Structures are given as C-alpha cells and as structure tokens.
Amino acid sequence: MKIVLASNNQGKLVELQAMFAPLNCTLVRQGDLGVPECPEPHRTFVENALAKARNASAHTGLPAIADDAGLCVDAFGGLPGVDTAYYATQFGYAKSDANNVRALLEQMQGIALPERRAAMVSTLVAVRSPEDPEPLIAIGRVVGSITTEPLGSNGFGFDPVMWIPEFGQTFAQLATEVKNANSHRGRAAQAMAALLRANWL
C-alpha cells in the first residue's frame, strides 16, 4: 500500500518508513507528488495533523498520514504546543532549533522543578481519503523536564534540553536507536502501525 506522508521532512520519512516496514507500506513525501503545504491554523496537534492528512489525500487520491508534534511546558500552561517550531520568533530570534533552545532557557530562568516539567507530544493521523469519517489517531507522549543548559549533541529540536528521568539523560545524549524507540514520535508510530494493521490491512 502506498501512503502519502504529509511532510517534506526527510528525517521523518526515514524514521516512519522504518517503523511501518513490516506492514508492506510505502511512504512517499507529499512534495514528491506535487502536494502544496497545508495551512495549520488550529490550536491542537490533532486538528493540524488531520488538516495536513486530508490536504495530502485530496491532492493525490491516496491514503495519507500526517503528524503534528511539539513541546508542552507545564510552567507555560502547555505552550509552546503547536507553535513549537516558531517558538524563538516570539522573542525576536530567527527561526532555528538553536534559537528555540536559547529562547526557552531564557524564559525559564528562575523556574524550578516541578514547574520545569514538560512533555514532548507527537500526534499521527491517517486517512483513507479526504472525506474519511474515521481517521486513525495515535498519540505518543514522553514526560520529562527542561534542563538548565543543553546536554548532548544527538537529535534535533529541543532534544538537548529534554531530560528523560527513566534514562537519566536528555534525548540528545541517547543513542539514536534508543531515542527512536522511546521518543514521542517513536511511541506514536508504534501505536499507528498497530492501528493500520488492525483497521486497514
């Protein structure tokens, strides 16, 4: 089965393709099929992922899968949430992973545990068609806390400041295979693979 990935992120494609390999599914990036980017006006991960999946399916006539993910910090009432990728721009910095980390650490100065608690959340949504009334929804969530300085050089995004208690390290300090198996996206992908197997295959 061919499924459109409603993303042009090569890393995401490789990660998800590996997880879905046992299902005999082939993921194709939307850009390779001429699908335009979809607006993401919603305030929840699930609504944005659903919009992206429906958009990709509408332009290709194929089943589609999309994810929306972000960091939810307790001290900020769950924000930055859906605005995670653009977090630094709120504080006058250019959009980049390094600036996002810098801005977050600046905003959290003087905040101690347990208010430094945070969750990385990934929401995957799959649709068979743009009008699918029964989208498959899988959520992966990892709870940890924000460190006071970046630790580790592996990974991307907020990985260097996301401390995972069960490993005693940040995501950026973990080996790639360990991170992928235990990350928010890894957990969502495992749940989605089970849903695809049970409902579509």
N, C-alpha and C. Protein backbone atom coordinates (compact mmCIF):
# COMPACT_ATOMS: atom_id res chain seq x y z
N MET A 1 0.85 -1.20 0.00
CA MET A 1 0.00 0.00 0.00
C MET A 1 0.88 1.24 0.00
N LYS A 2 0.52 2.20 -0.86
CA LYS A 2 1.25 3.46 -0.92
C LYS A 2 0.50 4.50 -0.10
N ILE A 3 1.22 5.18 0.78
CA ILE A 3 0.63 6.20 1.64
C ILE A 3 1.44 7.49 1.50
N VAL A 4 0.75 8.61 1.34
CA VAL A 4 1.43 9.90 1.26
C VAL A 4 1.76 10.38 2.66
N LEU A 5 3.01 10.78 2.87
CA LEU A 5 3.39 11.40 4.12
C LEU A 5 3.21 12.90 3.95
N ALA A 6 2.33 13.49 4.75
CA ALA A 6 2.03 14.92 4.62
C ALA A 6 3.14 15.74 5.27
N SER A 7 4.34 15.56 4.74
CA SER A 7 5.52 16.28 5.23
C SER A 7 6.59 16.19 4.15
N ASN A 8 7.52 17.12 4.17
CA ASN A 8 8.67 17.05 3.26
C ASN A 8 9.96 16.81 4.04
N ASN A 9 9.81 16.45 5.31
CA ASN A 9 10.94 16.22 6.19
C ASN A 9 11.53 14.83 5.92
N GLN A 10 12.76 14.80 5.37
CA GLN A 10 13.39 13.53 5.01
C GLN A 10 13.63 12.66 6.24
N GLY A 11 14.03 13.29 7.36
CA GLY A 11 14.27 12.52 8.59
C GLY A 11 13.01 11.82 9.07
N LYS A 12 11.90 12.54 9.00
CA LYS A 12 10.61 11.99 9.42
C LYS A 12 10.23 10.80 8.53
N LEU A 13 10.48 10.97 7.22
CA LEU A 13 10.16 9.91 6.26
C LEU A 13 10.94 8.64 6.58
N VAL A 14 12.25 8.78 6.79
CA VAL A 14 13.10 7.62 7.08
C VAL A 14 12.67 6.93 8.37
N GLU A 15 12.40 7.74 9.40
CA GLU A 15 12.01 7.21 10.71
C GLU A 15 10.70 6.42 10.61
N LEU A 16 9.69 7.02 9.97
CA LEU A 16 8.38 6.37 9.88
C LEU A 16 8.41 5.18 8.93
N GLN A 17 9.16 5.28 7.84
CA GLN A 17 9.25 4.18 6.88
C GLN A 17 9.81 2.93 7.57
N ALA A 18 10.81 3.13 8.41
CA ALA A 18 11.40 2.00 9.13
C ALA A 18 10.38 1.36 10.07
N MET A 19 9.58 2.21 10.74
CA MET A 19 8.57 1.69 11.67
C MET A 19 7.45 0.94 10.95
N PHE A 20 7.12 1.40 9.74
CA PHE A 20 5.99 0.80 9.01
C PHE A 20 6.43 -0.30 8.05
N ALA A 21 7.73 -0.56 7.95
CA ALA A 21 8.26 -1.56 7.01
C ALA A 21 7.56 -2.92 7.13
N PRO A 22 7.31 -3.41 8.36
CA PRO A 22 6.67 -4.73 8.47
C PRO A 22 5.25 -4.78 7.89
N LEU A 23 4.65 -3.62 7.65
CA LEU A 23 3.28 -3.57 7.14
C LEU A 23 3.23 -3.61 5.62
N ASN A 24 4.40 -3.63 4.96
CA ASN A 24 4.47 -3.54 3.50
C ASN A 24 3.81 -2.27 2.97
N CYS A 25 4.01 -1.17 3.70
CA CYS A 25 3.53 0.15 3.28
C CYS A 25 4.72 0.93 2.72
N THR A 26 4.47 1.69 1.68
CA THR A 26 5.50 2.58 1.15
C THR A 26 5.05 4.01 1.39
N LEU A 27 5.87 4.78 2.10
CA LEU A 27 5.56 6.18 2.33
C LEU A 27 6.22 7.03 1.26
N VAL A 28 5.48 8.01 0.74
CA VAL A 28 6.01 8.94 -0.25
C VAL A 28 5.81 10.36 0.26
N ARG A 29 6.87 11.16 0.25
CA ARG A 29 6.74 12.55 0.71
C ARG A 29 5.79 13.31 -0.20
N GLN A 30 4.96 14.18 0.39
CA GLN A 30 3.97 14.91 -0.40
C GLN A 30 4.60 15.78 -1.47
N GLY A 31 5.78 16.36 -1.19
CA GLY A 31 6.44 17.22 -2.17
C GLY A 31 6.81 16.47 -3.43
N ASP A 32 7.10 15.17 -3.29
CA ASP A 32 7.45 14.35 -4.46
C ASP A 32 6.24 14.11 -5.35
N LEU A 33 5.05 14.40 -4.85
CA LEU A 33 3.81 14.23 -5.61
C LEU A 33 3.15 15.58 -5.92
N GLY A 34 3.89 16.66 -5.67
CA GLY A 34 3.38 17.99 -6.00
C GLY A 34 2.31 18.53 -5.07
N VAL A 35 2.25 18.01 -3.86
CA VAL A 35 1.24 18.48 -2.90
C VAL A 35 1.74 19.76 -2.23
N PRO A 36 0.94 20.83 -2.26
CA PRO A 36 1.34 22.08 -1.60
C PRO A 36 1.23 21.97 -0.08
N GLU A 37 1.99 22.80 0.61
CA GLU A 37 1.92 22.84 2.08
C GLU A 37 0.50 23.21 2.50
N CYS A 38 0.08 22.67 3.62
CA CYS A 38 -1.25 22.93 4.15
C CYS A 38 -1.18 23.96 5.27
N PRO A 39 -2.09 24.93 5.31
CA PRO A 39 -2.14 25.85 6.45
C PRO A 39 -2.38 25.07 7.74
N GLU A 40 -1.83 25.57 8.86
CA GLU A 40 -2.03 24.92 10.16
C GLU A 40 -2.56 25.96 11.15
N PRO A 41 -3.83 26.34 10.99
CA PRO A 41 -4.38 27.42 11.82
C PRO A 41 -4.89 26.96 13.18
N HIS A 42 -4.91 25.66 13.41
CA HIS A 42 -5.57 25.13 14.61
C HIS A 42 -4.69 25.20 15.85
N ARG A 43 -5.30 25.07 17.01
CA ARG A 43 -4.58 25.19 18.28
C ARG A 43 -4.29 23.84 18.93
N THR A 44 -4.67 22.74 18.27
CA THR A 44 -4.35 21.41 18.80
C THR A 44 -3.58 20.62 17.76
N PHE A 45 -2.74 19.70 18.25
CA PHE A 45 -1.95 18.85 17.37
C PHE A 45 -2.85 18.01 16.47
N VAL A 46 -3.91 17.45 17.04
CA VAL A 46 -4.76 16.53 16.27
C VAL A 46 -5.47 17.25 15.12
N GLU A 47 -5.93 18.48 15.36
CA GLU A 47 -6.62 19.22 14.28
C GLU A 47 -5.65 19.57 13.15
N ASN A 48 -4.44 19.99 13.49
CA ASN A 48 -3.46 20.32 12.45
C ASN A 48 -3.03 19.09 11.67
N ALA A 49 -2.81 17.97 12.37
CA ALA A 49 -2.41 16.74 11.68
C ALA A 49 -3.53 16.26 10.75
N LEU A 50 -4.78 16.36 11.22
CA LEU A 50 -5.91 15.94 10.39
C LEU A 50 -6.02 16.82 9.14
N ALA A 51 -5.84 18.12 9.30
CA ALA A 51 -5.90 19.04 8.15
C ALA A 51 -4.81 18.68 7.13
N LYS A 52 -3.60 18.40 7.61
CA LYS A 52 -2.49 18.07 6.71
C LYS A 52 -2.73 16.75 5.99
N ALA A 53 -3.27 15.75 6.71
CA ALA A 53 -3.54 14.45 6.09
C ALA A 53 -4.63 14.58 5.03
N ARG A 54 -5.71 15.31 5.35
CA ARG A 54 -6.80 15.48 4.37
C ARG A 54 -6.30 16.23 3.12
N ASN A 55 -5.46 17.23 3.33
CA ASN A 55 -4.90 18.01 2.22
C ASN A 55 -4.07 17.11 1.29
N ALA A 56 -3.21 16.29 1.86
CA ALA A 56 -2.36 15.41 1.06
C ALA A 56 -3.19 14.38 0.30
N SER A 57 -4.21 13.84 0.97
CA SER A 57 -5.07 12.85 0.32
C SER A 57 -5.89 13.49 -0.80
N ALA A 58 -6.37 14.70 -0.57
CA ALA A 58 -7.19 15.40 -1.58
C ALA A 58 -6.39 15.67 -2.86
N HIS A 59 -5.10 15.98 -2.70
CA HIS A 59 -4.27 16.30 -3.87
C HIS A 59 -3.75 15.07 -4.61
N THR A 60 -3.79 13.90 -3.97
CA THR A 60 -3.20 12.71 -4.58
C THR A 60 -4.17 11.57 -4.83
N GLY A 61 -5.31 11.58 -4.14
CA GLY A 61 -6.24 10.46 -4.25
C GLY A 61 -5.75 9.23 -3.51
N LEU A 62 -4.70 9.38 -2.70
CA LEU A 62 -4.13 8.26 -1.95
C LEU A 62 -4.42 8.40 -0.45
N PRO A 63 -4.31 7.31 0.29
CA PRO A 63 -4.35 7.44 1.75
C PRO A 63 -3.19 8.32 2.19
N ALA A 64 -3.35 9.00 3.31
CA ALA A 64 -2.30 9.92 3.76
C ALA A 64 -2.13 9.82 5.27
N ILE A 65 -0.91 10.14 5.70
CA ILE A 65 -0.61 10.18 7.13
C ILE A 65 0.15 11.46 7.42
N ALA A 66 -0.18 12.10 8.54
CA ALA A 66 0.46 13.36 8.91
C ALA A 66 0.76 13.35 10.39
N ASP A 67 1.77 14.13 10.78
CA ASP A 67 1.98 14.26 12.21
C ASP A 67 2.12 15.73 12.57
N ASP A 68 1.75 16.04 13.78
CA ASP A 68 1.99 17.36 14.33
C ASP A 68 2.55 17.10 15.72
N ALA A 69 3.62 17.79 16.04
CA ALA A 69 4.31 17.49 17.29
C ALA A 69 4.83 18.76 17.92
N GLY A 70 5.11 18.69 19.20
CA GLY A 70 5.66 19.86 19.86
C GLY A 70 5.97 19.62 21.32
N LEU A 71 6.42 20.69 21.94
CA LEU A 71 6.81 20.68 23.34
C LEU A 71 5.73 21.38 24.15
N CYS A 72 5.30 20.75 25.24
CA CYS A 72 4.28 21.33 26.11
C CYS A 72 4.89 21.49 27.51
N VAL A 73 5.09 22.74 27.92
CA VAL A 73 5.76 23.04 29.19
C VAL A 73 4.73 23.41 30.26
N ASP A 74 4.78 22.72 31.39
CA ASP A 74 3.81 22.95 32.46
C ASP A 74 3.78 24.42 32.91
N ALA A 75 4.97 25.02 33.08
CA ALA A 75 5.04 26.40 33.59
C ALA A 75 4.38 27.40 32.65
N PHE A 76 4.23 27.02 31.38
CA PHE A 76 3.62 27.92 30.39
C PHE A 76 2.21 27.47 30.00
N GLY A 77 1.58 26.67 30.84
CA GLY A 77 0.22 26.21 30.55
C GLY A 77 0.12 25.32 29.32
N GLY A 78 1.21 24.58 29.03
CA GLY A 78 1.20 23.67 27.89
C GLY A 78 1.82 24.25 26.63
N LEU A 79 2.13 25.53 26.64
CA LEU A 79 2.77 26.14 25.47
C LEU A 79 4.26 25.77 25.48
N PRO A 80 4.96 25.85 24.35
CA PRO A 80 4.56 26.41 23.05
C PRO A 80 3.63 25.53 22.21
N GLY A 81 3.47 24.24 22.52
CA GLY A 81 2.48 23.43 21.81
C GLY A 81 2.63 23.46 20.31
N VAL A 82 1.54 23.82 19.61
CA VAL A 82 1.54 23.80 18.15
C VAL A 82 2.48 24.85 17.55
N ASP A 83 2.94 25.80 18.37
CA ASP A 83 3.84 26.85 17.88
C ASP A 83 5.32 26.53 18.15
N THR A 84 5.60 25.28 18.51
CA THR A 84 6.95 24.88 18.91
C THR A 84 8.02 25.25 17.89
N ALA A 85 7.77 24.96 16.60
CA ALA A 85 8.80 25.20 15.57
C ALA A 85 9.16 26.68 15.47
N TYR A 86 8.22 27.56 15.82
CA TYR A 86 8.44 29.01 15.67
C TYR A 86 8.64 29.70 17.01
N TYR A 87 8.92 28.92 18.05
CA TYR A 87 8.98 29.46 19.41
C TYR A 87 9.89 30.68 19.51
N ALA A 88 11.11 30.57 18.96
CA ALA A 88 12.11 31.64 19.10
C ALA A 88 11.67 32.95 18.46
N THR A 89 10.84 32.88 17.43
CA THR A 89 10.45 34.10 16.71
C THR A 89 9.60 35.04 17.57
N GLN A 90 8.96 34.49 18.62
CA GLN A 90 8.17 35.33 19.54
C GLN A 90 9.06 36.28 20.34
N PHE A 91 10.35 35.93 20.40
CA PHE A 91 11.27 36.71 21.24
C PHE A 91 12.35 37.42 20.41
N GLY A 92 12.05 37.60 19.11
CA GLY A 92 12.94 38.38 18.25
C GLY A 92 14.09 37.60 17.63
N TYR A 93 14.11 36.28 17.82
CA TYR A 93 15.16 35.46 17.21
C TYR A 93 14.69 34.90 15.87
N ALA A 94 15.66 34.58 15.01
CA ALA A 94 15.33 33.90 13.75
C ALA A 94 14.89 32.47 14.08
N LYS A 95 14.08 31.88 13.20
CA LYS A 95 13.60 30.51 13.40
C LYS A 95 14.77 29.53 13.24
N SER A 96 15.08 28.80 14.31
CA SER A 96 16.09 27.72 14.26
C SER A 96 15.99 26.91 15.54
N ASP A 97 16.47 25.67 15.47
CA ASP A 97 16.46 24.82 16.66
C ASP A 97 17.29 25.45 17.78
N ALA A 98 18.49 25.94 17.44
CA ALA A 98 19.37 26.52 18.46
C ALA A 98 18.73 27.74 19.13
N ASN A 99 18.07 28.58 18.34
CA ASN A 99 17.40 29.75 18.90
C ASN A 99 16.19 29.37 19.74
N ASN A 100 15.49 28.30 19.34
CA ASN A 100 14.36 27.82 20.15
C ASN A 100 14.85 27.41 21.53
N VAL A 101 15.96 26.67 21.58
CA VAL A 101 16.52 26.23 22.84
C VAL A 101 16.95 27.43 23.68
N ARG A 102 17.64 28.37 23.04
CA ARG A 102 18.11 29.58 23.74
C ARG A 102 16.93 30.35 24.34
N ALA A 103 15.89 30.57 23.53
CA ALA A 103 14.73 31.32 24.00
C ALA A 103 14.03 30.60 25.15
N LEU A 104 13.90 29.28 25.04
CA LEU A 104 13.24 28.52 26.10
C LEU A 104 14.02 28.63 27.42
N LEU A 105 15.34 28.47 27.36
CA LEU A 105 16.14 28.55 28.58
C LEU A 105 16.08 29.95 29.20
N GLU A 106 16.05 30.98 28.35
CA GLU A 106 15.92 32.35 28.86
C GLU A 106 14.57 32.54 29.56
N GLN A 107 13.50 32.03 28.95
CA GLN A 107 12.16 32.20 29.51
C GLN A 107 11.98 31.40 30.80
N MET A 108 12.80 30.36 30.99
CA MET A 108 12.65 29.50 32.16
C MET A 108 13.64 29.84 33.28
N GLN A 109 14.39 30.91 33.11
CA GLN A 109 15.31 31.31 34.18
C GLN A 109 14.52 31.59 35.45
N GLY A 110 15.00 31.06 36.57
CA GLY A 110 14.32 31.28 37.84
C GLY A 110 13.17 30.33 38.12
N ILE A 111 12.85 29.46 37.14
CA ILE A 111 11.78 28.48 37.35
C ILE A 111 12.41 27.16 37.78
N ALA A 112 11.93 26.61 38.88
CA ALA A 112 12.49 25.36 39.43
C ALA A 112 11.50 24.22 39.25
N LEU A 113 11.99 23.01 39.47
CA LEU A 113 11.09 21.85 39.47
C LEU A 113 10.07 22.02 40.60
N PRO A 114 8.83 21.56 40.50
CA PRO A 114 8.31 20.76 39.40
C PRO A 114 7.81 21.56 38.20
N GLU A 115 7.91 22.88 38.24
CA GLU A 115 7.39 23.68 37.12
C GLU A 115 8.20 23.51 35.83
N ARG A 116 9.40 22.89 35.91
CA ARG A 116 10.20 22.65 34.70
C ARG A 116 9.74 21.38 33.97
N ARG A 117 8.69 20.75 34.51
CA ARG A 117 8.15 19.54 33.88
C ARG A 117 7.61 19.88 32.49
N ALA A 118 7.84 18.97 31.55
CA ALA A 118 7.39 19.20 30.17
C ALA A 118 7.12 17.87 29.49
N ALA A 119 6.36 17.92 28.42
CA ALA A 119 6.10 16.72 27.62
C ALA A 119 6.38 17.00 26.15
N MET A 120 7.00 16.03 25.50
CA MET A 120 7.13 16.06 24.05
C MET A 120 5.96 15.22 23.53
N VAL A 121 5.19 15.78 22.62
CA VAL A 121 3.98 15.11 22.14
C VAL A 121 4.02 14.98 20.62
N SER A 122 3.67 13.81 20.12
CA SER A 122 3.54 13.59 18.68
C SER A 122 2.17 13.00 18.40
N THR A 123 1.44 13.61 17.49
CA THR A 123 0.12 13.11 17.12
C THR A 123 0.15 12.74 15.64
N LEU A 124 -0.09 11.46 15.35
CA LEU A 124 -0.16 10.97 13.97
C LEU A 124 -1.62 10.73 13.61
N VAL A 125 -2.00 11.19 12.41
CA VAL A 125 -3.36 10.99 11.91
C VAL A 125 -3.27 10.40 10.50
N ALA A 126 -4.05 9.35 10.26
CA ALA A 126 -4.08 8.72 8.93
C ALA A 126 -5.52 8.71 8.41
N VAL A 127 -5.66 9.02 7.12
CA VAL A 127 -6.98 8.99 6.47
C VAL A 127 -6.89 8.17 5.19
N ARG A 128 -7.98 7.46 4.86
CA ARG A 128 -8.03 6.67 3.62
C ARG A 128 -8.37 7.56 2.43
N SER A 129 -9.08 8.65 2.73
CA SER A 129 -9.50 9.60 1.68
C SER A 129 -9.72 10.94 2.37
N PRO A 130 -9.87 12.02 1.58
CA PRO A 130 -10.08 13.33 2.21
C PRO A 130 -11.35 13.39 3.06
N GLU A 131 -12.33 12.55 2.72
CA GLU A 131 -13.62 12.57 3.42
C GLU A 131 -13.73 11.47 4.47
N ASP A 132 -12.65 10.77 4.76
CA ASP A 132 -12.69 9.65 5.69
C ASP A 132 -13.32 10.08 7.03
N PRO A 133 -14.47 9.46 7.41
CA PRO A 133 -15.13 9.85 8.65
C PRO A 133 -14.49 9.21 9.88
N GLU A 134 -13.54 8.29 9.63
CA GLU A 134 -12.94 7.54 10.73
C GLU A 134 -11.41 7.59 10.64
N PRO A 135 -10.84 8.78 10.84
CA PRO A 135 -9.38 8.86 10.80
C PRO A 135 -8.76 8.05 11.93
N LEU A 136 -7.59 7.49 11.66
CA LEU A 136 -6.85 6.79 12.70
C LEU A 136 -5.99 7.82 13.42
N ILE A 137 -6.00 7.80 14.75
CA ILE A 137 -5.27 8.80 15.54
C ILE A 137 -4.41 8.09 16.57
N ALA A 138 -3.11 8.37 16.54
CA ALA A 138 -2.18 7.78 17.51
C ALA A 138 -1.37 8.89 18.16
N ILE A 139 -1.28 8.85 19.47
CA ILE A 139 -0.55 9.89 20.20
C ILE A 139 0.58 9.27 21.00
N GLY A 140 1.76 9.86 20.87
CA GLY A 140 2.91 9.44 21.66
C GLY A 140 3.32 10.59 22.55
N ARG A 141 3.61 10.29 23.81
CA ARG A 141 3.91 11.36 24.78
C ARG A 141 5.05 10.90 25.67
N VAL A 142 6.03 11.76 25.83
CA VAL A 142 7.14 11.48 26.74
C VAL A 142 7.25 12.64 27.73
N VAL A 143 7.21 12.31 29.01
CA VAL A 143 7.27 13.34 30.05
C VAL A 143 8.66 13.40 30.66
N GLY A 144 9.18 14.60 30.82
CA GLY A 144 10.48 14.81 31.43
C GLY A 144 10.52 16.20 32.02
N SER A 145 11.70 16.80 31.99
CA SER A 145 11.82 18.17 32.48
C SER A 145 12.87 18.91 31.66
N ILE A 146 12.78 20.24 31.70
CA ILE A 146 13.70 21.07 30.94
C ILE A 146 14.97 21.32 31.76
N THR A 147 16.11 20.99 31.18
CA THR A 147 17.39 21.21 31.87
C THR A 147 17.70 22.71 31.90
N THR A 148 18.75 23.08 32.63
CA THR A 148 19.13 24.49 32.70
C THR A 148 20.17 24.85 31.64
N GLU A 149 20.70 23.84 30.94
CA GLU A 149 21.63 24.06 29.83
C GLU A 149 21.56 22.88 28.87
N PRO A 150 21.92 23.09 27.59
CA PRO A 150 21.89 21.99 26.62
C PRO A 150 22.90 20.90 26.99
N LEU A 151 22.48 19.64 26.84
CA LEU A 151 23.34 18.49 27.10
C LEU A 151 23.23 17.50 25.95
N GLY A 152 24.37 17.14 25.33
CA GLY A 152 24.35 16.17 24.25
C GLY A 152 24.27 16.82 22.88
N SER A 153 24.69 16.08 21.87
CA SER A 153 24.74 16.64 20.51
C SER A 153 23.97 15.80 19.50
N ASN A 154 23.28 14.76 19.97
CA ASN A 154 22.50 13.92 19.07
C ASN A 154 21.09 14.51 18.97
N GLY A 155 20.36 14.17 17.91
CA GLY A 155 18.98 14.62 17.82
C GLY A 155 18.84 16.04 17.30
N PHE A 156 17.65 16.60 17.47
CA PHE A 156 17.34 17.93 16.95
C PHE A 156 16.26 18.57 17.80
N GLY A 157 15.85 19.78 17.43
CA GLY A 157 14.78 20.45 18.17
C GLY A 157 15.18 20.71 19.61
N PHE A 158 14.28 20.35 20.53
CA PHE A 158 14.52 20.57 21.95
C PHE A 158 15.20 19.36 22.62
N ASP A 159 15.69 18.40 21.84
CA ASP A 159 16.32 17.20 22.40
C ASP A 159 17.42 17.50 23.43
N PRO A 160 18.27 18.55 23.21
CA PRO A 160 19.36 18.78 24.18
C PRO A 160 18.91 19.28 25.55
N VAL A 161 17.67 19.74 25.67
CA VAL A 161 17.20 20.25 26.97
C VAL A 161 16.04 19.43 27.54
N MET A 162 15.69 18.34 26.86
CA MET A 162 14.60 17.49 27.32
C MET A 162 15.16 16.31 28.11
N TRP A 163 15.15 16.44 29.45
CA TRP A 163 15.70 15.44 30.36
C TRP A 163 14.67 14.32 30.57
N ILE A 164 15.11 13.08 30.32
CA ILE A 164 14.22 11.93 30.45
C ILE A 164 14.62 11.14 31.69
N PRO A 165 13.83 11.21 32.77
CA PRO A 165 14.20 10.59 34.04
C PRO A 165 14.53 9.10 33.94
N GLU A 166 13.76 8.35 33.11
CA GLU A 166 13.99 6.90 33.06
C GLU A 166 15.36 6.54 32.51
N PHE A 167 15.98 7.46 31.75
CA PHE A 167 17.32 7.22 31.22
C PHE A 167 18.40 8.03 31.93
N GLY A 168 17.97 9.04 32.70
CA GLY A 168 18.93 9.89 33.38
C GLY A 168 19.77 10.70 32.40
N GLN A 169 19.19 11.00 31.24
CA GLN A 169 19.88 11.75 30.19
C GLN A 169 18.87 12.57 29.40
N THR A 170 19.38 13.50 28.59
CA THR A 170 18.49 14.19 27.66
C THR A 170 18.33 13.32 26.41
N PHE A 171 17.34 13.64 25.60
CA PHE A 171 17.17 12.94 24.33
C PHE A 171 18.43 13.05 23.47
N ALA A 172 19.11 14.19 23.54
CA ALA A 172 20.30 14.41 22.71
C ALA A 172 21.51 13.61 23.18
N GLN A 173 21.44 13.02 24.37
CA GLN A 173 22.53 12.18 24.88
C GLN A 173 22.31 10.70 24.58
N LEU A 174 21.10 10.35 24.17
CA LEU A 174 20.78 8.94 23.92
C LEU A 174 21.27 8.50 22.54
N ALA A 175 21.60 7.21 22.42
CA ALA A 175 21.92 6.65 21.10
C ALA A 175 20.66 6.76 20.23
N THR A 176 20.85 6.97 18.93
CA THR A 176 19.72 7.20 18.02
C THR A 176 18.66 6.10 18.12
N GLU A 177 19.10 4.83 18.14
CA GLU A 177 18.11 3.74 18.15
C GLU A 177 17.33 3.71 19.46
N VAL A 178 17.98 4.09 20.55
CA VAL A 178 17.29 4.14 21.85
C VAL A 178 16.28 5.29 21.84
N LYS A 179 16.72 6.44 21.33
CA LYS A 179 15.82 7.60 21.26
C LYS A 179 14.61 7.29 20.38
N ASN A 180 14.86 6.74 19.19
CA ASN A 180 13.75 6.49 18.26
C ASN A 180 12.73 5.51 18.83
N ALA A 181 13.20 4.53 19.59
CA ALA A 181 12.30 3.53 20.17
C ALA A 181 11.47 4.11 21.32
N ASN A 182 11.99 5.16 21.97
CA ASN A 182 11.34 5.69 23.17
C ASN A 182 10.84 7.12 23.04
N SER A 183 11.04 7.72 21.88
CA SER A 183 10.62 9.11 21.70
C SER A 183 9.11 9.22 21.54
N HIS A 184 8.61 10.45 21.63
CA HIS A 184 7.18 10.69 21.40
C HIS A 184 6.77 10.22 20.00
N ARG A 185 7.62 10.51 18.98
CA ARG A 185 7.28 10.08 17.62
C ARG A 185 7.37 8.56 17.49
N GLY A 186 8.37 7.98 18.15
CA GLY A 186 8.51 6.52 18.12
C GLY A 186 7.29 5.84 18.72
N ARG A 187 6.83 6.37 19.86
CA ARG A 187 5.66 5.78 20.52
C ARG A 187 4.39 5.96 19.67
N ALA A 188 4.24 7.14 19.06
CA ALA A 188 3.07 7.38 18.20
C ALA A 188 3.11 6.46 16.98
N ALA A 189 4.30 6.27 16.40
CA ALA A 189 4.44 5.43 15.21
C ALA A 189 4.12 3.97 15.53
N GLN A 190 4.57 3.50 16.69
CA GLN A 190 4.26 2.12 17.08
C GLN A 190 2.75 1.93 17.24
N ALA A 191 2.10 2.92 17.85
CA ALA A 191 0.65 2.85 18.03
C ALA A 191 -0.07 2.92 16.68
N MET A 192 0.43 3.79 15.78
CA MET A 192 -0.19 3.92 14.46
C MET A 192 -0.01 2.64 13.64
N ALA A 193 1.16 2.02 13.72
CA ALA A 193 1.39 0.77 12.98
C ALA A 193 0.37 -0.28 13.41
N ALA A 194 0.08 -0.35 14.71
CA ALA A 194 -0.91 -1.30 15.22
C ALA A 194 -2.31 -0.96 14.70
N LEU A 195 -2.63 0.34 14.66
CA LEU A 195 -3.94 0.76 14.14
C LEU A 195 -4.08 0.45 12.65
N LEU A 196 -3.02 0.71 11.88
CA LEU A 196 -3.06 0.41 10.44
C LEU A 196 -3.27 -1.08 10.21
N ARG A 197 -2.54 -1.88 10.98
CA ARG A 197 -2.65 -3.34 10.82
C ARG A 197 -4.07 -3.82 11.16
N ALA A 198 -4.65 -3.25 12.20
CA ALA A 198 -5.97 -3.70 12.65
C ALA A 198 -7.11 -3.18 11.78
N ASN A 199 -6.94 -1.99 11.20
CA ASN A 199 -8.07 -1.33 10.53
C ASN A 199 -7.98 -1.27 9.01
N TRP A 200 -6.78 -1.21 8.46
CA TRP A 200 -6.65 -1.00 7.01
C TRP A 200 -6.12 -2.21 6.25
N LEU A 201 -5.38 -3.09 6.93
CA LEU A 201 -4.68 -4.16 6.20
C LEU A 201 -5.37 -5.52 6.34
